C-alpha atoms as a PDB file:
ATOM      1  CA  GLN A   1       0.000   0.000   0.000  1.00  0.00           C
ATOM      2  CA  VAL A   2       1.068   3.557  -0.747  1.00  0.00           C
ATOM      3  CA  GLN A   3      -0.358   6.632   0.906  1.00  0.00           C
ATOM      4  CA  LEU A   4      -0.283   9.974  -0.893  1.00  0.00           C
ATOM      5  CA  VAL A   5      -0.892  13.374   0.683  1.00  0.00           C
ATOM      6  CA  GLU A   6      -1.111  16.503  -1.458  1.00  0.00           C
ATOM      7  CA  SER A   7      -0.564  20.058  -0.279  1.00  0.00           C
ATOM      8  CA  GLY A   8       0.056  23.488  -1.724  1.00  0.00           C
ATOM      9  CA  GLY A   9      -3.246  24.336  -3.324  1.00  0.00           C
ATOM     10  CA  GLY A  10      -4.958  27.666  -2.867  1.00  0.00           C
ATOM     11  CA  LEU A  11      -6.356  30.783  -4.481  1.00  0.00           C
ATOM     12  CA  VAL A  12      -4.173  32.742  -6.886  1.00  0.00           C
ATOM     13  CA  GLN A  13      -4.698  35.416  -9.486  1.00  0.00           C
ATOM     14  CA  ALA A  14      -4.249  34.696 -13.165  1.00  0.00           C
ATOM     15  CA  GLY A  15      -0.579  34.803 -14.078  1.00  0.00           C
ATOM     16  CA  GLY A  16       0.480  33.694 -10.615  1.00  0.00           C
ATOM     17  CA  SER A  17       2.235  30.552  -9.438  1.00  0.00           C
ATOM     18  CA  LEU A  18       1.675  27.681  -7.050  1.00  0.00           C
ATOM     19  CA  ARG A  19       3.714  24.623  -6.153  1.00  0.00           C
ATOM     20  CA  LEU A  20       1.896  21.437  -5.279  1.00  0.00           C
ATOM     21  CA  SER A  21       3.564  18.735  -3.237  1.00  0.00           C
ATOM     22  CA  CYS A  22       2.713  15.056  -2.936  1.00  0.00           C
ATOM     23  CA  ALA A  23       4.286  13.155  -0.060  1.00  0.00           C
ATOM     24  CA  ALA A  24       4.356   9.386  -0.482  1.00  0.00           C
ATOM     25  CA  SER A  25       4.600   6.863   2.336  1.00  0.00           C
ATOM     26  CA  GLY A  26       4.189   3.146   2.779  1.00  0.00           C
ATOM     27  CA  ARG A  27       5.516   0.642   0.284  1.00  0.00           C
ATOM     28  CA  THR A  28       7.359   3.100  -1.950  1.00  0.00           C
ATOM     29  CA  ALA A  29      10.382   0.994  -2.878  1.00  0.00           C
ATOM     30  CA  GLY A  30      10.654  -0.025  -6.498  1.00  0.00           C
ATOM     31  CA  SER A  31       9.766   1.497  -9.826  1.00  0.00           C
ATOM     32  CA  TYR A  32       6.777   3.776  -9.827  1.00  0.00           C
ATOM     33  CA  THR A  33       5.220   6.295 -12.097  1.00  0.00           C
ATOM     34  CA  MET A  34       3.885   9.335 -10.291  1.00  0.00           C
ATOM     35  CA  GLY A  35       1.180  11.384 -11.912  1.00  0.00           C
ATOM     36  CA  TRP A  36      -0.823  14.535 -11.419  1.00  0.00           C
ATOM     37  CA  PHE A  37      -4.429  14.675 -12.548  1.00  0.00           C
ATOM     38  CA  ARG A  38      -7.077  17.358 -12.157  1.00  0.00           C
ATOM     39  CA  GLN A  39     -10.838  17.530 -12.127  1.00  0.00           C
ATOM     40  CA  ALA A  40     -12.855  20.671 -12.687  1.00  0.00           C
ATOM     41  CA  PRO A  41     -16.521  20.906 -11.662  1.00  0.00           C
ATOM     42  CA  GLY A  42     -18.736  19.040 -14.091  1.00  0.00           C
ATOM     43  CA  LYS A  43     -15.783  17.628 -16.006  1.00  0.00           C
ATOM     44  CA  GLU A  44     -13.988  14.321 -16.101  1.00  0.00           C
ATOM     45  CA  ARG A  45     -10.664  13.812 -14.386  1.00  0.00           C
ATOM     46  CA  GLU A  46      -7.855  14.615 -16.789  1.00  0.00           C
ATOM     47  CA  PHE A  47      -4.168  13.840 -16.959  1.00  0.00           C
ATOM     48  CA  VAL A  48      -1.796  16.736 -16.275  1.00  0.00           C
ATOM     49  CA  SER A  49       1.706  15.290 -15.955  1.00  0.00           C
ATOM     50  CA  ARG A  50       3.698  12.207 -14.954  1.00  0.00           C
ATOM     51  CA  ILE A  51       7.249  11.337 -13.963  1.00  0.00           C
ATOM     52  CA  GLY A  52       9.154   8.084 -13.718  1.00  0.00           C
ATOM     53  CA  TRP A  53      10.344   7.687 -10.154  1.00  0.00           C
ATOM     54  CA  ILE A  54      13.625   6.059 -11.188  1.00  0.00           C
ATOM     55  CA  SER A  55      14.129   7.448 -14.692  1.00  0.00           C
ATOM     56  CA  GLY A  56      12.897  10.966 -14.082  1.00  0.00           C
ATOM     57  CA  SER A  57      11.336  11.020 -17.534  1.00  0.00           C
ATOM     58  CA  THR A  58       8.368  13.372 -17.782  1.00  0.00           C
ATOM     59  CA  SER A  59       5.370  14.115 -19.940  1.00  0.00           C
ATOM     60  CA  TYR A  60       2.646  16.764 -19.920  1.00  0.00           C
ATOM     61  CA  VAL A  61      -0.743  17.449 -21.367  1.00  0.00           C
ATOM     62  CA  ASP A  62      -0.430  20.034 -24.144  1.00  0.00           C
ATOM     63  CA  SER A  63      -2.395  22.694 -22.270  1.00  0.00           C
ATOM     64  CA  VAL A  64       0.242  22.968 -19.520  1.00  0.00           C
ATOM     65  CA  LYS A  65       3.454  22.508 -21.503  1.00  0.00           C
ATOM     66  CA  GLY A  66       5.864  25.349 -20.867  1.00  0.00           C
ATOM     67  CA  ARG A  67       3.948  26.443 -17.748  1.00  0.00           C
ATOM     68  CA  PHE A  68       4.008  23.431 -15.398  1.00  0.00           C
ATOM     69  CA  THR A  69       7.017  21.421 -14.282  1.00  0.00           C
ATOM     70  CA  ILE A  70       6.890  18.064 -12.517  1.00  0.00           C
ATOM     71  CA  SER A  71       9.822  16.926 -10.401  1.00  0.00           C
ATOM     72  CA  ARG A  72      10.610  14.479  -7.629  1.00  0.00           C
ATOM     73  CA  ASP A  73      12.849  14.328  -4.600  1.00  0.00           C
ATOM     74  CA  ARG A  74      13.593  10.679  -4.026  1.00  0.00           C
ATOM     75  CA  ALA A  75      15.208  11.319  -0.641  1.00  0.00           C
ATOM     76  CA  LYS A  76      12.009  12.962   0.593  1.00  0.00           C
ATOM     77  CA  ASN A  77       9.633  10.612  -1.264  1.00  0.00           C
ATOM     78  CA  THR A  78       7.915  13.698  -2.624  1.00  0.00           C
ATOM     79  CA  VAL A  79       6.690  14.744  -6.048  1.00  0.00           C
ATOM     80  CA  TYR A  80       6.137  18.374  -6.963  1.00  0.00           C
ATOM     81  CA  LEU A  81       4.138  20.229  -9.567  1.00  0.00           C
ATOM     82  CA  GLN A  82       5.368  23.770 -10.133  1.00  0.00           C
ATOM     83  CA  MET A  83       2.607  25.726 -11.835  1.00  0.00           C
ATOM     84  CA  ASN A  84       3.443  29.080 -13.407  1.00  0.00           C
ATOM     85  CA  SER A  85       1.439  31.502 -15.539  1.00  0.00           C
ATOM     86  CA  LEU A  86      -1.757  30.080 -14.131  1.00  0.00           C
ATOM     87  CA  LYS A  87      -5.000  30.608 -16.014  1.00  0.00           C
ATOM     88  CA  PRO A  88      -8.615  30.486 -14.810  1.00  0.00           C
ATOM     89  CA  GLU A  89      -9.066  27.285 -16.803  1.00  0.00           C
ATOM     90  CA  ASP A  90      -6.481  25.618 -14.540  1.00  0.00           C
ATOM     91  CA  THR A  91      -9.003  25.812 -11.700  1.00  0.00           C
ATOM     92  CA  ALA A  92      -9.650  22.275 -10.464  1.00  0.00           C
ATOM     93  CA  VAL A  93      -9.008  19.787  -7.712  1.00  0.00           C
ATOM     94  CA  TYR A  94      -5.541  18.390  -8.317  1.00  0.00           C
ATOM     95  CA  TYR A  95      -4.816  14.771  -7.449  1.00  0.00           C
ATOM     96  CA  CYS A  96      -1.539  12.969  -7.034  1.00  0.00           C
ATOM     97  CA  ALA A  97      -1.478   9.348  -8.171  1.00  0.00           C
ATOM     98  CA  ALA A  98       0.970   6.444  -8.173  1.00  0.00           C
ATOM     99  CA  ALA A  99       1.302   3.422 -10.398  1.00  0.00           C
ATOM    100  CA  PRO A 100       3.589   0.564  -9.269  1.00  0.00           C
ATOM    101  CA  ARG A 101       5.347   0.196 -12.595  1.00  0.00           C
ATOM    102  CA  SER A 102       8.075   2.046 -14.426  1.00  0.00           C
ATOM    103  CA  TYR A 103       5.670   3.243 -17.107  1.00  0.00           C
ATOM    104  CA  ALA A 104       2.051   4.210 -16.739  1.00  0.00           C
ATOM    105  CA  SER A 105      -0.201   5.779 -19.315  1.00  0.00           C
ATOM    106  CA  ILE A 106      -2.057   9.075 -19.156  1.00  0.00           C
ATOM    107  CA  PHE A 107      -5.239   7.261 -18.177  1.00  0.00           C
ATOM    108  CA  SER A 108      -6.374   7.297 -14.579  1.00  0.00           C
ATOM    109  CA  ARG A 109      -7.199   3.577 -14.702  1.00  0.00           C
ATOM    110  CA  ASP A 110      -3.468   2.855 -14.832  1.00  0.00           C
ATOM    111  CA  TYR A 111      -2.903   4.324 -11.366  1.00  0.00           C
ATOM    112  CA  ASP A 112      -3.523   2.303  -8.230  1.00  0.00           C
ATOM    113  CA  TYR A 113      -3.087   4.869  -5.478  1.00  0.00           C
ATOM    114  CA  TRP A 114      -4.581   8.336  -5.113  1.00  0.00           C
ATOM    115  CA  GLY A 115      -4.329  11.258  -2.769  1.00  0.00           C
ATOM    116  CA  GLN A 116      -7.297  13.151  -1.390  1.00  0.00           C
ATOM    117  CA  GLY A 117      -6.825  16.097  -3.744  1.00  0.00           C
ATOM    118  CA  THR A 118      -6.019  19.767  -3.251  1.00  0.00           C
ATOM    119  CA  GLN A 119      -8.062  22.663  -4.594  1.00  0.00           C
ATOM    120  CA  VAL A 120      -6.476  25.150  -6.981  1.00  0.00           C
ATOM    121  CA  THR A 121      -8.524  28.223  -7.836  1.00  0.00           C
ATOM    122  CA  VAL A 122      -7.293  30.804 -10.328  1.00  0.00           C
ATOM    123  CA  SER A 123      -9.182  34.082 -10.420  1.00  0.00           C
ATOM    124  CA  SER A 124      -9.338  36.270 -13.503  1.00  0.00           C
END
C-alpha cells in the first residue's frame, strides 16, 4: 500500500504561481510512475503530468506545456508540480497518483493509489 498526501493548493490570481507537493509513504520501494491529474466541476478527471520515479522522464498534457514542471525528490519521497502563468481554466481539484510500474499511461485507470486532492482556484 502507498499513501499519498497533497498540499500546496490555494487561491491565486491569473498569471500567478503555485507549487503542489505530494508526499508518499508506505511501500514506496521499487519502480513507480507518479502522476498529477485534475478535475474541474462538471468535467472528467484529466491527466496533467507524470514522472518516472527512477528514470525521471516526464510528460505533460499540451495545455500545460511550458507552464508546469513536474519533479521528484527521491530522498524525501515527494513529487512536486510547479505551476506558473496560471490561467482560470487551470481551476480544479488536483490529485496525485501512483502506479507501481516504471511506465504508466495518461489514463487514470493505470494508477492504483490516489491522494485526497487539493483545490487550486485561479481568479481572472
